[in-house]
Protein backbone atom coordinates (compact mmCIF):
# COMPACT_ATOMS: atom_id res chain seq x y z
CA UNK A 1 36.72 36.51 -109.96
CA UNK A 2 35.74 33.52 -107.81
CA UNK A 3 33.47 30.90 -109.37
CA UNK A 4 31.04 31.29 -106.44
CA UNK A 5 30.80 34.29 -104.11
CA UNK A 6 28.45 36.15 -101.79
CA UNK A 7 26.50 39.12 -103.08
CA UNK A 8 27.26 42.43 -101.34
CA UNK A 9 23.66 42.49 -100.08
CA UNK A 10 23.99 39.03 -98.53
CA UNK A 11 27.26 40.01 -96.86
CA UNK A 12 25.61 43.14 -95.40
CA UNK A 13 22.68 41.14 -94.07
CA UNK A 14 24.81 38.25 -92.80
CA UNK A 15 25.59 37.71 -89.10
CA UNK A 16 28.89 37.86 -87.23
CA UNK A 17 29.43 35.28 -84.50
CA UNK A 18 30.94 36.68 -81.29
CA UNK A 19 32.42 34.27 -78.76
CA UNK A 20 30.55 34.35 -75.43
CA UNK A 21 33.90 34.27 -73.63
CA UNK A 22 34.76 37.58 -75.29
CA UNK A 23 31.45 39.09 -74.14
CA UNK A 24 31.82 37.83 -70.56
CA UNK A 25 35.55 38.05 -69.89
CA UNK A 26 36.96 40.73 -72.19
CA UNK A 27 34.30 43.18 -73.34
CA UNK A 28 33.17 44.46 -69.88
CA UNK A 29 36.70 45.65 -69.02
CA UNK A 30 37.79 47.12 -72.36
CA UNK A 31 37.35 50.77 -73.44
CA UNK A 32 34.32 51.28 -75.67
CA UNK A 33 36.37 52.30 -78.72
CA UNK A 34 38.52 49.17 -78.40
CA UNK A 35 35.40 46.99 -78.41
CA UNK A 36 34.14 48.74 -81.57
CA UNK A 37 37.46 48.07 -83.28
CA UNK A 38 37.45 44.39 -82.33
CA UNK A 39 33.87 43.75 -83.44
CA UNK A 40 34.25 45.63 -86.73
CA UNK A 41 37.47 43.78 -87.46
CA UNK A 42 35.77 40.48 -86.65
CA UNK A 43 33.05 41.33 -89.18
CA UNK A 44 35.64 42.06 -91.86
CA UNK A 45 37.14 38.61 -91.30
CA UNK A 46 33.93 37.17 -92.76
CA UNK A 47 33.85 39.58 -95.68
CA UNK A 48 34.91 37.99 -98.96
CA UNK A 49 35.21 41.39 -100.68
CA UNK A 50 38.69 42.80 -99.87
CA UNK A 51 38.09 46.15 -101.57
CA UNK A 52 37.00 47.92 -98.39
CA UNK A 53 39.03 45.77 -95.97
CA UNK A 54 41.71 48.40 -95.44
CA UNK A 55 42.80 51.01 -92.90
CA UNK A 56 41.23 53.96 -94.71
CA UNK A 57 37.75 52.45 -94.87
CA UNK A 58 38.17 51.10 -91.34
CA UNK A 59 38.83 54.63 -90.05
CA UNK A 60 35.86 56.07 -91.93
CA UNK A 61 33.48 53.38 -90.71
CA UNK A 62 34.32 53.90 -87.03
CA UNK A 63 35.25 57.61 -87.17
CA UNK A 64 38.62 56.86 -85.60
CA UNK A 65 42.20 57.77 -86.48
CA UNK A 66 44.84 55.27 -87.54
CA UNK A 67 46.67 55.75 -84.23
CA UNK A 68 43.49 55.01 -82.29
CA UNK A 69 42.92 51.82 -84.26
CA UNK A 70 46.54 50.74 -83.79
CA UNK A 71 46.23 51.43 -80.08
CA UNK A 72 43.07 49.30 -79.90
CA UNK A 73 44.62 46.35 -81.74
CA UNK A 74 47.73 46.63 -79.55
CA UNK A 75 45.44 46.31 -76.50
CA UNK A 76 43.73 43.21 -77.91
CA UNK A 77 47.13 41.71 -78.75
CA UNK A 78 48.12 42.16 -75.09
CA UNK A 79 44.92 40.31 -74.16
CA UNK A 80 46.05 37.46 -76.40
CA UNK A 81 43.08 37.35 -78.78
CA UNK A 82 44.63 39.01 -81.87
CA UNK A 83 48.08 38.93 -83.42
CA UNK A 84 49.54 41.93 -85.27
CA UNK A 85 51.42 40.45 -88.24
CA UNK A 86 52.53 43.73 -89.75
CA UNK A 87 52.18 47.44 -88.95
CA UNK A 88 52.83 48.99 -92.39
CA UNK A 89 50.43 48.16 -93.84
CA UNK A 90 48.47 46.93 -90.80
CA UNK A 91 47.74 43.21 -90.84
CA UNK A 92 45.86 41.62 -87.91
CA UNK A 93 45.03 37.97 -87.36
CA UNK A 94 42.11 37.22 -85.04
CA UNK A 95 42.86 34.32 -82.67
CA UNK A 96 40.53 31.97 -80.76
CA UNK A 97 39.32 33.65 -77.56
CA UNK A 98 40.83 32.04 -74.46
CA UNK A 99 41.84 33.44 -71.08
CA UNK A 100 44.62 30.85 -70.93
CA UNK A 101 46.53 32.89 -73.51
CA UNK A 102 47.46 35.31 -70.74
CA UNK A 103 49.76 32.63 -69.35
CA UNK A 104 51.94 32.94 -72.44
CA UNK A 105 51.79 36.73 -72.47
CA UNK A 106 54.88 38.90 -72.16
CA UNK A 107 54.42 42.12 -70.22
CA UNK A 108 56.13 45.40 -70.93
CA UNK A 109 58.93 46.03 -68.48
CA UNK A 110 57.82 49.54 -67.55
CA UNK A 111 54.11 48.68 -67.09
CA UNK A 112 54.58 47.18 -63.61
CA UNK A 113 57.82 48.93 -62.58
CA UNK A 114 56.21 51.00 -59.80
CA UNK A 115 54.05 48.05 -58.76
CA UNK A 116 57.15 45.87 -58.28
CA UNK A 117 58.81 48.50 -56.07
CA UNK A 118 55.79 48.78 -53.81
CA UNK A 119 55.43 45.00 -53.50
CA UNK A 120 59.06 44.80 -52.38
CA UNK A 121 58.36 47.42 -49.71
CA UNK A 122 55.29 45.58 -48.41
CA UNK A 123 56.94 42.14 -48.39
CA UNK A 124 60.17 43.44 -46.84
CA UNK A 125 60.99 40.21 -45.01
CA UNK A 126 61.53 38.26 -48.20
CA UNK A 127 62.42 38.84 -51.83
CA UNK A 128 59.55 38.04 -54.25
CA UNK A 129 60.66 35.84 -57.14
CA UNK A 130 60.15 36.73 -60.82
CA UNK A 131 57.58 33.94 -61.03
CA UNK A 132 55.63 35.50 -58.12
CA UNK A 133 55.54 38.86 -59.88
CA UNK A 134 54.46 37.14 -63.09
CA UNK A 135 51.56 35.43 -61.26
CA UNK A 136 50.47 38.83 -59.93
CA UNK A 137 50.50 40.24 -63.48
CA UNK A 138 48.50 37.35 -64.91
CA UNK A 139 45.93 37.56 -62.10
CA UNK A 140 45.50 41.29 -62.57
CA UNK A 141 45.24 41.00 -66.35
CA UNK A 142 42.86 38.03 -66.41
CA UNK A 143 40.59 39.26 -63.59
CA UNK A 144 40.97 42.96 -64.47
CA UNK A 145 42.15 43.97 -61.02
CA UNK A 146 43.59 47.48 -60.76
CA UNK A 147 47.25 47.71 -59.72
CA UNK A 148 46.50 49.88 -56.69
CA UNK A 149 43.71 47.48 -55.68
CA UNK A 150 46.15 44.54 -55.90
CA UNK A 151 48.67 46.38 -53.77
CA UNK A 152 46.00 46.98 -51.14
CA UNK A 153 45.15 43.26 -51.16
CA UNK A 154 48.84 42.32 -50.76
CA UNK A 155 49.21 44.77 -47.84
CA UNK A 156 46.05 43.44 -46.19
CA UNK A 157 47.37 39.86 -46.39
CA UNK A 158 50.78 40.97 -45.08
CA UNK A 159 49.17 42.76 -42.11
CA UNK A 160 47.12 39.65 -41.43
CA UNK A 161 49.78 36.96 -41.88
CA UNK A 162 53.03 38.90 -41.63
CA UNK A 163 55.19 40.32 -44.41
CA UNK A 164 56.57 36.84 -45.20
CA UNK A 165 53.08 35.69 -46.25
CA UNK A 166 53.26 33.27 -49.20
CA UNK A 167 51.95 34.51 -52.53
CA UNK A 168 49.48 31.62 -53.26
CA UNK A 169 47.51 32.87 -50.23
CA UNK A 170 47.55 36.43 -51.61
CA UNK A 171 46.43 35.23 -55.04
CA UNK A 172 43.57 33.21 -53.54
CA UNK A 173 42.30 36.24 -51.63
CA UNK A 174 42.51 38.35 -54.78
CA UNK A 175 40.60 35.74 -56.82
CA UNK A 176 37.92 35.33 -54.16
CA UNK A 177 37.34 39.06 -54.01
CA UNK A 178 37.38 39.38 -57.79
CA UNK A 179 34.64 36.74 -57.94
CA UNK A 180 32.61 39.08 -55.73
CA UNK A 181 33.24 41.94 -58.16
CA UNK A 182 35.92 43.56 -55.97
CA UNK A 183 38.55 44.59 -58.53
CA UNK A 184 38.88 48.37 -58.17
CA UNK A 185 40.64 50.51 -55.59
CA UNK A 186 37.29 51.85 -54.39
CA UNK A 187 35.70 48.41 -53.98
CA UNK A 188 38.75 47.08 -52.09
CA UNK A 189 38.62 50.09 -49.77
CA UNK A 190 34.94 49.37 -49.08
CA UNK A 191 35.73 45.71 -48.39
CA UNK A 192 38.49 46.61 -45.94
CA UNK A 193 36.26 49.20 -44.24
CA UNK A 194 33.61 46.52 -43.86
CA UNK A 195 36.20 44.27 -42.22
CA UNK A 196 37.25 47.07 -39.84
CA UNK A 197 33.65 47.62 -38.72
CA UNK A 198 33.41 43.95 -37.78
CA UNK A 199 36.71 43.81 -35.88
CA UNK A 200 35.15 44.51 -32.47
CA UNK A 201 32.53 41.75 -32.79
CA UNK A 202 35.07 39.34 -34.25
CA UNK A 203 37.46 40.08 -31.39
CA UNK A 204 34.75 39.11 -28.87
CA UNK A 205 33.98 35.89 -30.77
CA UNK A 206 37.69 35.03 -31.03
CA UNK A 207 38.12 35.70 -27.30
CA UNK A 208 35.20 33.39 -26.49
CA UNK A 209 36.81 30.70 -28.65
CA UNK A 210 40.20 31.22 -27.01
CA UNK A 211 41.83 32.43 -30.24
CA UNK A 212 44.58 35.04 -29.67
CA UNK A 213 45.95 35.31 -33.21
CA UNK A 214 44.59 37.49 -36.00
CA UNK A 215 41.68 35.94 -37.86
CA UNK A 216 42.31 35.10 -41.51
CA UNK A 217 40.03 35.96 -44.45
CA UNK A 218 38.31 32.57 -44.53
CA UNK A 219 37.27 33.01 -40.89
CA UNK A 220 36.12 36.56 -41.52
CA UNK A 221 34.12 35.37 -44.53
CA UNK A 222 32.40 32.77 -42.35
CA UNK A 223 31.38 35.54 -39.95
CA UNK A 224 29.91 37.56 -42.83
CA UNK A 225 28.07 34.43 -43.94
CA UNK A 226 26.57 34.00 -40.45
CA UNK A 227 25.49 37.63 -40.50
CA UNK A 228 23.76 37.16 -43.86
CA UNK A 229 21.95 34.12 -42.41
CA UNK A 230 20.52 36.32 -39.64
CA UNK A 231 22.71 35.42 -36.64
CA UNK A 232 23.66 38.27 -34.29
CA UNK A 233 27.04 38.39 -32.48
CA UNK A 234 25.47 37.77 -29.04
CA UNK A 235 23.92 34.50 -30.28
CA UNK A 236 27.21 33.37 -31.86
CA UNK A 237 29.09 34.04 -28.61
CA UNK A 238 26.38 32.20 -26.65
CA UNK A 239 26.73 29.17 -28.94
CA UNK A 240 30.54 29.24 -28.60
CA UNK A 241 30.32 29.29 -24.80
CA UNK A 242 27.73 26.50 -24.81
CA UNK A 243 29.90 24.34 -27.05
CA UNK A 244 32.99 24.90 -24.92
CA UNK A 245 31.17 23.39 -21.94
CA UNK A 246 31.14 20.04 -23.75
CA UNK A 247 34.27 20.45 -25.93
CA UNK A 248 37.81 21.50 -25.06
CA UNK A 249 38.08 23.77 -28.09
CA UNK A 250 35.83 25.16 -30.78
CA UNK A 251 37.06 26.20 -34.24
CA UNK A 252 35.32 28.19 -36.95
CA UNK A 253 34.61 25.17 -39.12
CA UNK A 254 32.83 23.32 -36.32
CA UNK A 255 30.95 26.48 -35.28
CA UNK A 256 29.84 26.96 -38.88
CA UNK A 257 28.37 23.43 -38.94
CA UNK A 258 26.41 24.12 -35.74
CA UNK A 259 25.06 27.44 -37.03
CA UNK A 260 24.11 25.81 -40.33
CA UNK A 261 22.06 23.32 -38.30
CA UNK A 262 20.34 26.09 -36.35
CA UNK A 263 19.65 27.94 -39.61
CA UNK A 264 17.97 24.84 -41.06
CA UNK A 265 15.90 24.52 -37.90
CA UNK A 266 15.07 28.27 -37.97
CA UNK A 267 16.58 28.97 -34.56
CA UNK A 268 17.81 32.57 -34.59
CA UNK A 269 17.68 33.74 -30.96
CA UNK A 270 19.30 32.67 -27.69
CA UNK A 271 15.89 31.72 -26.31
CA UNK A 272 15.11 29.45 -29.28
CA UNK A 273 18.52 27.75 -29.14
CA UNK A 274 18.25 27.25 -25.37
CA UNK A 275 14.77 25.75 -25.71
CA UNK A 276 15.98 23.34 -28.39
CA UNK A 277 19.05 22.24 -26.44
CA UNK A 278 17.01 21.78 -23.23
CA UNK A 279 14.43 19.55 -24.92
CA UNK A 280 16.86 17.75 -27.22
CA UNK A 281 16.51 14.45 -25.36
CA UNK A 282 12.72 14.65 -25.66
CA UNK A 283 13.01 15.42 -29.38
CA UNK A 284 15.38 12.49 -29.86
CA UNK A 285 12.90 10.20 -28.09
CA UNK A 286 10.07 11.46 -30.32
CA UNK A 287 12.18 10.93 -33.42
CA UNK A 288 12.97 7.35 -32.37
CA UNK A 289 9.26 6.59 -31.77
CA UNK A 290 8.25 8.01 -35.16
CA UNK A 291 10.97 6.02 -36.94
CA UNK A 292 9.87 2.90 -35.07
CA UNK A 293 6.24 3.48 -36.12
CA UNK A 294 7.31 3.91 -39.76
CA UNK A 295 9.56 0.84 -39.63
CA UNK A 296 12.79 2.71 -40.39
CA UNK A 297 16.06 2.85 -38.43
CA UNK A 298 18.73 5.56 -38.15
CA UNK A 299 21.90 5.00 -36.17
CA UNK A 300 22.30 8.78 -35.82
CA UNK A 301 18.91 10.27 -34.97
CA UNK A 302 20.06 13.91 -34.87
CA UNK A 303 19.48 14.58 -38.62
CA UNK A 304 15.90 13.34 -38.19
CA UNK A 305 15.34 15.96 -35.49
CA UNK A 306 17.01 18.71 -37.51
CA UNK A 307 15.42 18.00 -40.89
CA UNK A 308 11.96 16.78 -39.91
CA UNK A 309 10.87 16.98 -36.24
CA UNK A 310 11.89 20.62 -35.78
CA UNK A 311 10.20 21.65 -39.03
CA UNK A 312 6.98 19.86 -38.03
CA UNK A 313 7.05 21.57 -34.65
CA UNK A 314 7.53 24.91 -36.41
CA UNK A 315 4.33 24.19 -38.37
CA UNK A 316 2.47 23.73 -35.08
CA UNK A 317 2.31 19.93 -34.71
CA UNK A 318 2.68 18.59 -31.19
CA UNK A 319 4.21 15.23 -30.26
CA UNK A 320 0.90 13.40 -29.83
CA UNK A 321 -0.35 14.47 -33.25
CA UNK A 322 2.92 13.45 -34.93
CA UNK A 323 2.76 10.00 -33.33
CA UNK A 324 -0.82 9.57 -34.58
CA UNK A 325 0.17 10.64 -38.08
CA UNK A 326 3.14 8.25 -38.10
CA UNK A 327 0.78 5.39 -37.18
CA UNK A 328 -1.59 6.37 -39.98
CA UNK A 329 1.32 6.61 -42.44
CA UNK A 330 2.50 3.08 -41.65
CA UNK A 331 -1.01 1.68 -42.11
CA UNK A 332 -1.28 3.60 -45.41
CA UNK A 333 2.05 2.20 -46.72
CA UNK A 334 3.71 5.61 -46.23
CA UNK A 335 6.88 4.29 -44.64
CA UNK A 336 9.67 6.84 -45.07
CA UNK A 337 10.26 10.17 -43.35
CA UNK A 338 10.24 11.94 -46.70
CA UNK A 339 6.80 10.56 -47.59
CA UNK A 340 5.49 11.30 -44.09
CA UNK A 341 6.74 14.88 -44.52
CA UNK A 342 4.78 15.19 -47.78
CA UNK A 343 1.67 13.87 -46.01
CA UNK A 344 2.10 16.40 -43.22
CA UNK A 345 2.43 19.19 -45.79
CA UNK A 346 -0.93 18.07 -47.25
CA UNK A 347 -2.52 18.11 -43.81
CA UNK A 348 -1.04 21.55 -43.11
CA UNK A 349 -2.52 23.03 -46.28
CA UNK A 350 -5.92 21.69 -45.13
CA UNK A 351 -5.48 23.34 -41.70
CA UNK A 352 -5.10 19.98 -39.93
CA UNK A 353 -2.47 20.60 -37.24
CA UNK A 354 -3.74 18.99 -34.01
CA UNK A 355 -5.42 15.86 -32.65
CA UNK A 356 -8.91 17.33 -32.82
CA UNK A 357 -8.72 18.45 -36.44
CA UNK A 358 -6.96 15.22 -37.43
CA UNK A 359 -9.66 13.04 -35.84
CA UNK A 360 -12.37 15.15 -37.47
CA UNK A 361 -10.67 14.64 -40.81
CA UNK A 362 -10.37 10.89 -40.29
CA UNK A 363 -14.05 10.80 -39.34
CA UNK A 364 -15.03 12.55 -42.57
CA UNK A 365 -12.84 10.19 -44.58
CA UNK A 366 -14.35 7.13 -42.91
CA UNK A 367 -17.85 8.48 -43.47
CA UNK A 368 -17.03 8.96 -47.14
CA UNK A 369 -15.63 5.42 -47.33
CA UNK A 370 -18.81 4.08 -45.74
CA UNK A 371 -20.99 6.08 -48.14
CA UNK A 372 -19.08 4.86 -51.20
CA UNK A 373 -19.19 1.28 -49.88
CA UNK A 374 -22.97 1.49 -49.55
CA UNK A 375 -23.24 2.94 -53.09
CA UNK A 376 -21.27 -0.02 -54.40
CA UNK A 377 -23.57 -2.38 -52.50
CA UNK A 378 -26.67 -0.70 -53.96
CA UNK A 379 -25.13 -1.20 -57.42
CA UNK A 380 -24.74 -4.92 -56.67
CA UNK A 381 -20.94 -4.69 -56.41
CA UNK A 382 -19.24 -6.58 -53.57
CA UNK A 383 -15.67 -5.27 -53.64
CA UNK A 384 -13.41 -2.86 -51.75
CA UNK A 385 -13.47 0.87 -52.44
CA UNK A 386 -10.69 1.89 -54.84
CA UNK A 387 -9.11 5.21 -55.87
CA UNK A 388 -11.30 5.50 -58.98
CA UNK A 389 -14.39 5.25 -56.78
CA UNK A 390 -13.04 7.93 -54.45
CA UNK A 391 -12.06 10.28 -57.28
CA UNK A 392 -15.47 9.96 -58.91
CA UNK A 393 -17.33 10.53 -55.65
CA UNK A 394 -15.18 13.57 -54.84
CA UNK A 395 -15.89 14.96 -58.31
CA UNK A 396 -19.65 14.44 -57.97
CA UNK A 397 -19.86 16.11 -54.57
CA UNK A 398 -17.18 18.83 -54.68
CA UNK A 399 -17.01 19.82 -58.35
CA UNK A 400 -20.49 19.01 -59.70
CA UNK A 401 -22.23 19.81 -56.38
CA UNK A 402 -24.49 16.74 -56.66
CA UNK A 403 -26.81 16.08 -53.71
CA UNK A 404 -26.95 12.71 -51.96
CA UNK A 405 -30.51 12.35 -53.24
CA UNK A 406 -29.40 12.67 -56.88
CA UNK A 407 -26.43 10.34 -56.34
CA UNK A 408 -28.66 7.72 -54.74
CA UNK A 409 -31.19 8.13 -57.56
CA UNK A 410 -28.42 7.56 -60.13
CA UNK A 411 -27.29 4.46 -58.23
CA UNK A 412 -30.79 2.97 -58.38
CA UNK A 413 -31.00 3.62 -62.14
CA UNK A 414 -27.59 2.03 -62.75
CA UNK A 415 -27.71 -1.13 -60.66
CA UNK A 416 -28.86 -3.46 -63.46
CA UNK A 417 -26.32 -2.28 -66.06
CA UNK A 418 -23.30 -4.30 -67.22
CA UNK A 419 -20.86 -1.83 -65.65
CA UNK A 420 -23.07 -0.14 -63.09
CA UNK A 421 -20.48 2.23 -61.56
CA UNK A 422 -19.25 3.46 -64.96
CA UNK A 423 -22.86 3.86 -66.13
CA UNK A 424 -23.66 5.82 -62.96
CA UNK A 425 -20.72 8.16 -63.55
CA UNK A 426 -21.86 8.81 -67.14
CA UNK A 427 -25.43 9.36 -65.96
CA UNK A 428 -24.37 11.95 -63.38
CA UNK A 429 -22.18 13.60 -66.01
CA UNK A 430 -25.23 13.96 -68.29
CA UNK A 431 -27.25 15.46 -65.45
CA UNK A 432 -24.44 17.87 -64.63
CA UNK A 433 -24.16 18.99 -68.25
CA UNK A 434 -27.92 19.57 -68.33
CA UNK A 435 -27.89 21.43 -65.00
CA UNK A 436 -30.15 18.82 -63.34
CA UNK A 437 -30.73 19.67 -59.67
CA UNK A 438 -33.64 17.39 -58.67
CA UNK A 439 -34.84 13.85 -59.30
CA UNK A 440 -37.94 15.27 -61.02
CA UNK A 441 -35.75 17.06 -63.58
CA UNK A 442 -33.72 13.88 -64.02
CA UNK A 443 -36.88 11.82 -64.71
CA UNK A 444 -37.86 14.16 -67.52
CA UNK A 445 -34.88 12.94 -69.57
CA UNK A 446 -37.08 9.99 -70.83
CA UNK A 447 -35.62 7.44 -68.42
CA UNK A 448 -37.38 4.05 -68.05
CA UNK A 449 -40.37 4.10 -65.70
CA UNK A 450 -38.92 1.52 -63.34
CA UNK A 451 -35.88 3.76 -62.69
CA UNK A 452 -37.82 6.76 -61.34
CA UNK A 453 -37.86 6.00 -57.61
CA UNK A 454 -34.70 6.51 -55.60
CA UNK A 455 -33.85 4.59 -52.43
CA UNK A 456 -33.89 6.51 -49.17
CA UNK A 457 -32.36 4.05 -46.69
CA UNK A 458 -28.76 5.36 -46.62
CA UNK A 459 -27.11 5.68 -43.19
CA UNK A 460 -25.98 9.28 -42.57
CA UNK A 461 -25.06 8.99 -38.89
CA UNK A 462 -21.98 10.75 -37.42
CA UNK A 463 -19.10 8.74 -35.97
CA UNK A 464 -17.95 9.25 -32.37
CA UNK A 465 -14.29 9.49 -31.38
CA UNK A 466 -14.48 6.00 -29.87
CA UNK A 467 -15.79 4.62 -33.16
CA UNK A 468 -13.02 6.46 -34.99
CA UNK A 469 -10.38 4.77 -32.87
CA UNK A 470 -11.93 1.37 -33.51
CA UNK A 471 -12.08 2.03 -37.25
CA UNK A 472 -8.57 3.46 -37.41
CA UNK A 473 -7.12 0.12 -38.50
CA UNK A 474 -9.11 0.39 -41.74
CA UNK A 475 -7.45 3.62 -42.76
CA UNK A 476 -4.62 1.85 -44.59
CA UNK A 477 -7.08 1.36 -47.45
CA UNK A 478 -7.92 5.07 -47.59
CA UNK A 479 -5.86 7.55 -49.61
CA UNK A 480 -5.66 10.90 -47.83
């Protein structure tokens, strides 16, 4: 007996580690009984008690026959993750899980005999090499593609490219489809039917592009991508014809880049694309003016239009408003397009989308600045308004709902303190916590007699648009 060993209870309660690669790449495609055999065998590998690590107990535990268990281990040996050392008695060694082991796998001669014959018939203009067949086997085994499904893929590629099509192309198509979950005969049939339904539209697009050959899978996949993005065939053909007016030829890659641009700009109809193209020069001029106002330079201005100007227009901002915002951004040290975009998003959330609402907002900000400046003056502080002042004032008015009368009263009571603004903030906090609504209620908190009268000479006038324009240069000190 070993000097140290696990108790039977500990072994029963212990855990068995299962490789994630097994769960993701092997388990989904294996018969249920084969999975049970593998997992139970893996558990026995960790069992230090050999008394029940035998075929008889194995069969009883899983309610399977010896032939069924042998069949399961033979399957896992073909997958390259176990090795059968002996059959009588059965001895199995569990190997590290790796899909690369398929590369070293030897396949039974009769397993792919019919498959080989059919491949030769499909590719009748050349003789596939043994290495080509081997690559087909490995691809089918590793990606769990059915033989009939693989034959359909090979025939599709041969119909598309000719029967002398090279096998790396066939393998790439098979791998791409397998990544989409297309590995069975039924799923390949559905994929090919989907292609057939698109042939008429694709033929019209190819004709518009001047392409007379059959389209390959990568070009078809691009068309499906455009469909998923929301582009209809009539728009795609319109774009092709428009591009051909300025270019001698248009290929799928270039067309994809143009449609990607329209997708980013949310242009999905012929009318929207036409409107954009017609006013492109105006948009480019606007983009240049905004960049100039911000103090930035772009040699190629088109990305600015695509990524910023078009999006701002989609939000409802006109050119005049955007110019005004760019001027404000520069004066407020907001000097990149990305930061200007963030500022516009803030304005948009506040419902500020035109000149009128923007000027009204600036007026309210300037009024607030003036009010805070006068509060500082009443406290005996001669300095500029800072962000702490603004945050406090916003908190008093918006969160604590303090009236101007109470705020002015607090200012009068705080002006002779060492830190008058901080004292005023604490004083208003005390009033808020005690639900003080009037100066009379505030005076009942045993404040000094000389602090009971509040000043009433604050200027509450409204600013006109002309005054706003004259004060606009001060906005660089204001945080919106």
